[in-house]
Amino acid sequence: MHFDNTGPDPSGVFEKARVEWLQALRQGDSLLADGRALFWSHRSKKHSTYFTFYPFTRFGELDARRDAVRATQAVLDKDALARYDLGDAVLVPPHHSKIWRRAPDNDYVPAGSEALTERTAACGWFEFRTPSFFEDAVVDSLWKELRTVLAAEHYPLACRAFQDVYGSSDIIYMWLARDSTVLRAAPLMKDVVTRHLGVAQARKFWKRLDAVFPVASTLTVERRLELSNLGR
């Protein structure tokens, strides 16, 4: 995962540079490799965050991707590279990469959403949680309880789980919807739990979960296929 953050960018400088880069990569009916399969983004008036997925199964594939990018850059003219670099003018810290590993045992997938993943969903939200040390069993038990409640109440958003294995111990949940209508119609998760457990028990549940598995941040996000190599 690579993270880009931009300041206010009303003219879309960052995105324009990447769209033009994709156009430069197209050579007839083929597309030169640059290794970026998928973009997701969170955008606001003050800043935007872009999440670039670089999927791999073996670490050696990272070397292969680097070599492919270098080969592509050697083929393209310097003007294309210069136009791409113009997008970096709006970047602000933090600017970094991490490695996320899929944690499918923590997924929540309601019936009918089996095909919904980071590649097929249109929008959703990222939830970053930080597990307490030496409380793995408690975290697992409470998260299983939450998924059981969500399933019983037919919570509509699918969840795909990842773990940050280099940089932090955070667990990242992608709560996914097929479109913005489904996302906006989804009830608040705390309301779902309250409806199922009752007010008193719901308060106890969230207090226990937040004590050992607190939320670090949440971000509303959308898939940005127009910036990606995916499906091109």
C-alpha atoms as a PDB file:
ATOM      1  CA  MET A   1       0.000   0.000   0.000  1.00  0.00           C
ATOM      2  CA  HIS A   2       1.279   3.451  -0.913  1.00  0.00           C
ATOM      3  CA  PHE A   3      -0.191   6.583   0.663  1.00  0.00           C
ATOM      4  CA  ASP A   4      -0.253   9.968  -1.064  1.00  0.00           C
ATOM      5  CA  ASN A   5      -1.684  13.014   0.680  1.00  0.00           C
ATOM      6  CA  THR A   6      -2.430  16.287  -1.067  1.00  0.00           C
ATOM      7  CA  GLY A   7      -3.385  19.699   0.158  1.00  0.00           C
ATOM      8  CA  PRO A   8      -6.249  21.637  -1.448  1.00  0.00           C
ATOM      9  CA  ASP A   9      -6.166  20.796  -5.159  1.00  0.00           C
ATOM     10  CA  PRO A  10      -9.156  22.554  -6.786  1.00  0.00           C
ATOM     11  CA  SER A  11      -7.687  22.164 -10.274  1.00  0.00           C
ATOM     12  CA  GLY A  12      -7.116  18.432  -9.823  1.00  0.00           C
ATOM     13  CA  VAL A  13      -3.385  18.673 -10.556  1.00  0.00           C
ATOM     14  CA  PHE A  14      -2.557  15.375  -8.847  1.00  0.00           C
ATOM     15  CA  GLU A  15      -5.258  13.342 -10.548  1.00  0.00           C
ATOM     16  CA  LYS A  16      -4.738  14.988 -13.931  1.00  0.00           C
ATOM     17  CA  ALA A  17      -1.045  14.037 -13.876  1.00  0.00           C
ATOM     18  CA  ARG A  18      -1.924  10.408 -13.206  1.00  0.00           C
ATOM     19  CA  VAL A  19      -4.639  10.241 -15.861  1.00  0.00           C
ATOM     20  CA  GLU A  20      -2.222  11.665 -18.425  1.00  0.00           C
ATOM     21  CA  TRP A  21       0.353   9.135 -17.281  1.00  0.00           C
ATOM     22  CA  LEU A  22      -2.050   6.294 -18.023  1.00  0.00           C
ATOM     23  CA  GLN A  23      -2.611   7.762 -21.466  1.00  0.00           C
ATOM     24  CA  ALA A  24       1.141   7.845 -22.048  1.00  0.00           C
ATOM     25  CA  LEU A  25       1.394   4.191 -20.989  1.00  0.00           C
ATOM     26  CA  ARG A  26      -1.027   3.088 -23.698  1.00  0.00           C
ATOM     27  CA  GLN A  27       0.840   1.758 -26.696  1.00  0.00           C
ATOM     28  CA  GLY A  28      -1.677   0.755 -29.351  1.00  0.00           C
ATOM     29  CA  ASP A  29      -3.790  -2.053 -27.927  1.00  0.00           C
ATOM     30  CA  SER A  30      -1.450  -2.698 -24.997  1.00  0.00           C
ATOM     31  CA  LEU A  31      -0.591  -0.865 -21.799  1.00  0.00           C
ATOM     32  CA  LEU A  32       2.940  -0.541 -20.463  1.00  0.00           C
ATOM     33  CA  ALA A  33       3.362  -1.745 -16.894  1.00  0.00           C
ATOM     34  CA  ASP A  34       3.687   0.618 -13.976  1.00  0.00           C
ATOM     35  CA  GLY A  35       2.570  -1.791 -11.263  1.00  0.00           C
ATOM     36  CA  ARG A  36      -0.413   0.124  -9.920  1.00  0.00           C
ATOM     37  CA  ALA A  37      -3.506  -2.001 -10.047  1.00  0.00           C
ATOM     38  CA  LEU A  38      -5.943   0.085  -8.066  1.00  0.00           C
ATOM     39  CA  PHE A  39      -6.528   3.479  -6.425  1.00  0.00           C
ATOM     40  CA  TRP A  40      -8.929   4.319  -3.606  1.00  0.00           C
ATOM     41  CA  SER A  41      -9.258   7.836  -2.264  1.00  0.00           C
ATOM     42  CA  HIS A  42     -10.651   9.946   0.537  1.00  0.00           C
ATOM     43  CA  ARG A  43     -11.298  13.548  -0.449  1.00  0.00           C
ATOM     44  CA  SER A  44     -12.201  16.654   1.513  1.00  0.00           C
ATOM     45  CA  LYS A  45     -11.866  20.426   1.075  1.00  0.00           C
ATOM     46  CA  LYS A  46      -8.754  20.534   3.267  1.00  0.00           C
ATOM     47  CA  HIS A  47      -6.901  17.458   2.028  1.00  0.00           C
ATOM     48  CA  SER A  48      -7.154  14.217   0.088  1.00  0.00           C
ATOM     49  CA  THR A  49      -5.599  10.809   0.710  1.00  0.00           C
ATOM     50  CA  TYR A  50      -4.916   8.342  -2.110  1.00  0.00           C
ATOM     51  CA  PHE A  51      -4.396   4.650  -1.358  1.00  0.00           C
ATOM     52  CA  THR A  52      -2.566   2.774  -4.105  1.00  0.00           C
ATOM     53  CA  PHE A  53      -2.831  -1.024  -4.011  1.00  0.00           C
ATOM     54  CA  TYR A  54       0.164  -3.019  -5.257  1.00  0.00           C
ATOM     55  CA  PRO A  55      -0.992  -6.631  -4.753  1.00  0.00           C
ATOM     56  CA  PHE A  56       1.647  -9.382  -4.504  1.00  0.00           C
ATOM     57  CA  THR A  57       1.945 -12.893  -3.113  1.00  0.00           C
ATOM     58  CA  ARG A  58       5.753 -13.214  -2.857  1.00  0.00           C
ATOM     59  CA  PHE A  59       8.299 -10.551  -1.930  1.00  0.00           C
ATOM     60  CA  GLY A  60      10.222 -11.294  -5.125  1.00  0.00           C
ATOM     61  CA  GLU A  61       7.309  -9.785  -7.045  1.00  0.00           C
ATOM     62  CA  LEU A  62       8.248  -6.366  -5.635  1.00  0.00           C
ATOM     63  CA  ASP A  63      11.616  -6.597  -7.414  1.00  0.00           C
ATOM     64  CA  ALA A  64       9.857  -7.634 -10.617  1.00  0.00           C
ATOM     65  CA  ARG A  65       7.519  -4.634 -10.345  1.00  0.00           C
ATOM     66  CA  ARG A  66      10.450  -2.262  -9.820  1.00  0.00           C
ATOM     67  CA  ASP A  67      12.197  -3.680 -12.905  1.00  0.00           C
ATOM     68  CA  ALA A  68       9.008  -3.335 -14.971  1.00  0.00           C
ATOM     69  CA  VAL A  69       8.608   0.306 -13.918  1.00  0.00           C
ATOM     70  CA  ARG A  70      12.209   1.077 -14.843  1.00  0.00           C
ATOM     71  CA  ALA A  71      11.747  -0.562 -18.236  1.00  0.00           C
ATOM     72  CA  THR A  72       8.604   1.491 -18.848  1.00  0.00           C
ATOM     73  CA  GLN A  73      10.287   4.744 -17.881  1.00  0.00           C
ATOM     74  CA  ALA A  74      13.167   3.970 -20.263  1.00  0.00           C
ATOM     75  CA  VAL A  75      10.720   3.633 -23.157  1.00  0.00           C
ATOM     76  CA  LEU A  76       8.698   6.803 -22.530  1.00  0.00           C
ATOM     77  CA  ASP A  77       9.929  10.251 -23.470  1.00  0.00           C
ATOM     78  CA  LYS A  78      11.172  12.647 -20.808  1.00  0.00           C
ATOM     79  CA  ASP A  79       8.209  14.981 -21.318  1.00  0.00           C
ATOM     80  CA  ALA A  80       5.783  12.283 -20.132  1.00  0.00           C
ATOM     81  CA  LEU A  81       7.842  11.758 -16.971  1.00  0.00           C
ATOM     82  CA  ALA A  82       8.073  15.508 -16.382  1.00  0.00           C
ATOM     83  CA  ARG A  83       4.293  15.935 -16.709  1.00  0.00           C
ATOM     84  CA  TYR A  84       3.781  13.092 -14.249  1.00  0.00           C
ATOM     85  CA  ASP A  85       6.129  14.703 -11.725  1.00  0.00           C
ATOM     86  CA  LEU A  86       4.109  17.936 -11.872  1.00  0.00           C
ATOM     87  CA  GLY A  87       1.411  16.196  -9.834  1.00  0.00           C
ATOM     88  CA  ASP A  88       3.808  15.885  -6.905  1.00  0.00           C
ATOM     89  CA  ALA A  89       3.695  19.661  -6.401  1.00  0.00           C
ATOM     90  CA  VAL A  90       0.526  19.341  -4.310  1.00  0.00           C
ATOM     91  CA  LEU A  91       1.759  16.469  -2.095  1.00  0.00           C
ATOM     92  CA  VAL A  92       1.935  17.030   1.662  1.00  0.00           C
ATOM     93  CA  PRO A  93       3.133  14.738   4.499  1.00  0.00           C
ATOM     94  CA  PRO A  94       2.709  11.966   5.324  1.00  0.00           C
ATOM     95  CA  HIS A  95       3.895  10.220   2.172  1.00  0.00           C
ATOM     96  CA  HIS A  96       4.826   6.589   2.754  1.00  0.00           C
ATOM     97  CA  SER A  97       4.316   2.907   1.980  1.00  0.00           C
ATOM     98  CA  LYS A  98       3.149   0.013   4.145  1.00  0.00           C
ATOM     99  CA  ILE A  99       2.508  -3.677   3.693  1.00  0.00           C
ATOM    100  CA  TRP A 100      -1.011  -4.877   4.381  1.00  0.00           C
ATOM    101  CA  ARG A 101      -1.717  -8.596   4.586  1.00  0.00           C
ATOM    102  CA  ARG A 102      -5.201  -9.930   4.003  1.00  0.00           C
ATOM    103  CA  ALA A 103      -6.878 -11.309   7.137  1.00  0.00           C
ATOM    104  CA  PRO A 104      -9.910 -13.102   5.652  1.00  0.00           C
ATOM    105  CA  ASP A 105     -10.831 -14.790   8.942  1.00  0.00           C
ATOM    106  CA  ASN A 106     -11.962 -11.360  10.152  1.00  0.00           C
ATOM    107  CA  ASP A 107     -14.158 -10.607   7.132  1.00  0.00           C
ATOM    108  CA  TYR A 108     -17.866  -9.958   7.413  1.00  0.00           C
ATOM    109  CA  VAL A 109     -19.691 -10.872   4.197  1.00  0.00           C
ATOM    110  CA  PRO A 110     -23.504 -10.688   4.173  1.00  0.00           C
ATOM    111  CA  ALA A 111     -25.428 -12.979   1.849  1.00  0.00           C
ATOM    112  CA  GLY A 112     -25.324 -11.748  -1.714  1.00  0.00           C
ATOM    113  CA  SER A 113     -22.084  -9.792  -1.220  1.00  0.00           C
ATOM    114  CA  GLU A 114     -19.627 -12.626  -1.718  1.00  0.00           C
ATOM    115  CA  ALA A 115     -18.136 -10.997  -4.827  1.00  0.00           C
ATOM    116  CA  LEU A 116     -17.694  -7.609  -3.160  1.00  0.00           C
ATOM    117  CA  THR A 117     -13.997  -6.812  -2.641  1.00  0.00           C
ATOM    118  CA  GLU A 118     -11.625  -3.847  -2.890  1.00  0.00           C
ATOM    119  CA  ARG A 119     -11.557  -4.514  -6.654  1.00  0.00           C
ATOM    120  CA  THR A 120     -15.311  -4.619  -7.235  1.00  0.00           C
ATOM    121  CA  ALA A 121     -16.883  -2.250  -4.686  1.00  0.00           C
ATOM    122  CA  ALA A 122     -17.507   1.377  -5.632  1.00  0.00           C
ATOM    123  CA  CYS A 123     -17.261   3.052  -2.244  1.00  0.00           C
ATOM    124  CA  GLY A 124     -17.188   2.497   1.499  1.00  0.00           C
ATOM    125  CA  TRP A 125     -15.086   3.468   4.466  1.00  0.00           C
ATOM    126  CA  PHE A 126     -11.781   2.479   6.013  1.00  0.00           C
ATOM    127  CA  GLU A 127     -11.721   1.710   9.724  1.00  0.00           C
ATOM    128  CA  PHE A 128      -8.299   1.564  11.382  1.00  0.00           C
ATOM    129  CA  ARG A 129      -8.200  -0.199  14.762  1.00  0.00           C
ATOM    130  CA  THR A 130      -5.204  -0.797  17.034  1.00  0.00           C
ATOM    131  CA  PRO A 131      -5.294  -4.084  18.998  1.00  0.00           C
ATOM    132  CA  SER A 132      -3.945  -4.095  22.544  1.00  0.00           C
ATOM    133  CA  PHE A 133      -0.894  -6.229  23.192  1.00  0.00           C
ATOM    134  CA  PHE A 134      -1.554  -9.621  24.823  1.00  0.00           C
ATOM    135  CA  GLU A 135      -5.326  -9.277  24.295  1.00  0.00           C
ATOM    136  CA  ASP A 136      -5.621 -11.207  21.028  1.00  0.00           C
ATOM    137  CA  ALA A 137      -8.113 -13.717  22.404  1.00  0.00           C
ATOM    138  CA  VAL A 138     -10.375 -10.983  23.782  1.00  0.00           C
ATOM    139  CA  VAL A 139     -10.194  -8.992  20.532  1.00  0.00           C
ATOM    140  CA  ASP A 140     -11.043 -12.090  18.480  1.00  0.00           C
ATOM    141  CA  SER A 141     -13.973 -12.951  20.746  1.00  0.00           C
ATOM    142  CA  LEU A 142     -15.464  -9.442  20.660  1.00  0.00           C
ATOM    143  CA  TRP A 143     -15.011  -9.090  16.910  1.00  0.00           C
ATOM    144  CA  LYS A 144     -16.711 -12.444  16.379  1.00  0.00           C
ATOM    145  CA  GLU A 145     -19.570 -11.251  18.584  1.00  0.00           C
ATOM    146  CA  LEU A 146     -19.908  -8.086  16.518  1.00  0.00           C
ATOM    147  CA  ARG A 147     -20.036 -10.026  13.247  1.00  0.00           C
ATOM    148  CA  THR A 148     -22.672 -12.329  14.726  1.00  0.00           C
ATOM    149  CA  VAL A 149     -24.832  -9.332  15.635  1.00  0.00           C
ATOM    150  CA  LEU A 150     -24.359  -7.746  12.204  1.00  0.00           C
ATOM    151  CA  ALA A 151     -25.335 -10.986  10.474  1.00  0.00           C
ATOM    152  CA  ALA A 152     -28.442 -11.358  12.650  1.00  0.00           C
ATOM    153  CA  GLU A 153     -29.482  -7.789  11.813  1.00  0.00           C
ATOM    154  CA  HIS A 154     -28.600  -8.130   8.102  1.00  0.00           C
ATOM    155  CA  TYR A 155     -26.120  -5.279   8.117  1.00  0.00           C
ATOM    156  CA  PRO A 156     -25.681  -4.506   4.390  1.00  0.00           C
ATOM    157  CA  LEU A 157     -22.005  -3.541   4.030  1.00  0.00           C
ATOM    158  CA  ALA A 158     -19.367  -6.196   3.394  1.00  0.00           C
ATOM    159  CA  CYS A 159     -16.077  -6.027   5.286  1.00  0.00           C
ATOM    160  CA  ARG A 160     -12.658  -7.106   4.032  1.00  0.00           C
ATOM    161  CA  ALA A 161      -9.938  -7.176   6.676  1.00  0.00           C
ATOM    162  CA  PHE A 162      -6.216  -6.432   6.414  1.00  0.00           C
ATOM    163  CA  GLN A 163      -3.377  -6.281   8.912  1.00  0.00           C
ATOM    164  CA  ASP A 164      -0.529  -3.774   8.727  1.00  0.00           C
ATOM    165  CA  VAL A 165       2.478  -6.073   9.110  1.00  0.00           C
ATOM    166  CA  TYR A 166       5.213  -3.452   8.629  1.00  0.00           C
ATOM    167  CA  GLY A 167       4.884  -0.058  10.261  1.00  0.00           C
ATOM    168  CA  SER A 168       2.212  -0.710  12.876  1.00  0.00           C
ATOM    169  CA  SER A 169      -0.008  -3.443  14.288  1.00  0.00           C
ATOM    170  CA  ASP A 170      -3.213  -1.833  13.020  1.00  0.00           C
ATOM    171  CA  ILE A 171      -6.069  -3.887  11.652  1.00  0.00           C
ATOM    172  CA  ILE A 172      -7.747  -2.232   8.683  1.00  0.00           C
ATOM    173  CA  TYR A 173     -11.366  -2.955   7.829  1.00  0.00           C
ATOM    174  CA  MET A 174     -12.728  -1.953   4.444  1.00  0.00           C
ATOM    175  CA  TRP A 175     -16.514  -1.645   4.778  1.00  0.00           C
ATOM    176  CA  LEU A 176     -17.687  -1.881   1.190  1.00  0.00           C
ATOM    177  CA  ALA A 177     -20.790  -1.045  -0.821  1.00  0.00           C
ATOM    178  CA  ARG A 178     -21.585  -1.695  -4.460  1.00  0.00           C
ATOM    179  CA  ASP A 179     -22.683   1.949  -4.898  1.00  0.00           C
ATOM    180  CA  SER A 180     -23.201   5.201  -3.013  1.00  0.00           C
ATOM    181  CA  THR A 181     -26.927   4.570  -2.551  1.00  0.00           C
ATOM    182  CA  VAL A 182     -26.264   1.419  -0.527  1.00  0.00           C
ATOM    183  CA  LEU A 183     -23.548   3.180   1.463  1.00  0.00           C
ATOM    184  CA  ARG A 184     -25.779   6.139   2.397  1.00  0.00           C
ATOM    185  CA  ALA A 185     -28.677   3.850   3.329  1.00  0.00           C
ATOM    186  CA  ALA A 186     -26.582   1.679   5.672  1.00  0.00           C
ATOM    187  CA  PRO A 187     -27.519   2.257   9.332  1.00  0.00           C
ATOM    188  CA  LEU A 188     -24.953   3.307  11.902  1.00  0.00           C
ATOM    189  CA  MET A 189     -23.270   0.235  13.305  1.00  0.00           C
ATOM    190  CA  LYS A 190     -23.825   1.375  16.889  1.00  0.00           C
ATOM    191  CA  ASP A 191     -27.538   1.675  16.172  1.00  0.00           C
ATOM    192  CA  VAL A 192     -27.564  -1.873  14.808  1.00  0.00           C
ATOM    193  CA  VAL A 193     -25.856  -3.234  17.913  1.00  0.00           C
ATOM    194  CA  THR A 194     -28.177  -1.249  20.208  1.00  0.00           C
ATOM    195  CA  ARG A 195     -31.229  -2.602  18.416  1.00  0.00           C
ATOM    196  CA  HIS A 196     -29.971  -6.157  18.851  1.00  0.00           C
ATOM    197  CA  LEU A 197     -28.534  -6.029  22.378  1.00  0.00           C
ATOM    198  CA  GLY A 198     -30.472  -3.206  23.989  1.00  0.00           C
ATOM    199  CA  VAL A 199     -29.058   0.080  25.223  1.00  0.00           C
ATOM    200  CA  ALA A 200     -27.325  -1.169  28.391  1.00  0.00           C
ATOM    201  CA  GLN A 201     -25.699  -4.233  26.837  1.00  0.00           C
ATOM    202  CA  ALA A 202     -24.661  -2.293  23.737  1.00  0.00           C
ATOM    203  CA  ARG A 203     -22.885   0.296  25.878  1.00  0.00           C
ATOM    204  CA  LYS A 204     -21.037  -2.464  27.715  1.00  0.00           C
ATOM    205  CA  PHE A 205     -20.078  -4.127  24.444  1.00  0.00           C
ATOM    206  CA  TRP A 206     -18.597  -0.973  22.883  1.00  0.00           C
ATOM    207  CA  LYS A 207     -16.781  -0.104  26.102  1.00  0.00           C
ATOM    208  CA  ARG A 208     -15.147  -3.560  26.162  1.00  0.00           C
ATOM    209  CA  LEU A 209     -14.270  -3.442  22.453  1.00  0.00           C
ATOM    210  CA  ASP A 210     -12.853   0.090  22.551  1.00  0.00           C
ATOM    211  CA  ALA A 211     -10.743  -0.784  25.588  1.00  0.00           C
ATOM    212  CA  VAL A 212      -8.804  -3.527  23.788  1.00  0.00           C
ATOM    213  CA  PHE A 213      -9.371  -2.586  20.138  1.00  0.00           C
ATOM    214  CA  PRO A 214      -9.748   1.201  19.845  1.00  0.00           C
ATOM    215  CA  VAL A 215     -10.500   3.005  16.608  1.00  0.00           C
ATOM    216  CA  ALA A 216      -7.484   4.988  15.390  1.00  0.00           C
ATOM    217  CA  SER A 217      -9.307   6.657  12.485  1.00  0.00           C
ATOM    218  CA  THR A 218     -12.031   6.247   9.872  1.00  0.00           C
ATOM    219  CA  LEU A 219     -12.178   7.593   6.322  1.00  0.00           C
ATOM    220  CA  THR A 220     -14.942   7.556   3.733  1.00  0.00           C
ATOM    221  CA  VAL A 221     -13.412   6.293   0.480  1.00  0.00           C
ATOM    222  CA  GLU A 222     -14.222   5.606  -3.154  1.00  0.00           C
ATOM    223  CA  ARG A 223     -12.624   3.386  -5.766  1.00  0.00           C
ATOM    224  CA  ARG A 224     -10.841   5.452  -8.431  1.00  0.00           C
ATOM    225  CA  LEU A 225     -10.758   3.165 -11.451  1.00  0.00           C
ATOM    226  CA  GLU A 226      -9.984   6.063 -13.790  1.00  0.00           C
ATOM    227  CA  LEU A 227      -6.572   6.450 -12.129  1.00  0.00           C
ATOM    228  CA  SER A 228      -5.673   2.755 -12.221  1.00  0.00           C
ATOM    229  CA  ASN A 229      -4.441   0.048 -14.537  1.00  0.00           C
ATOM    230  CA  LEU A 230      -7.205  -2.257 -13.363  1.00  0.00           C
ATOM    231  CA  GLY A 231      -9.439  -3.335 -16.233  1.00  0.00           C
ATOM    232  CA  ARG A 232      -7.505  -1.418 -18.879  1.00  0.00           C
END
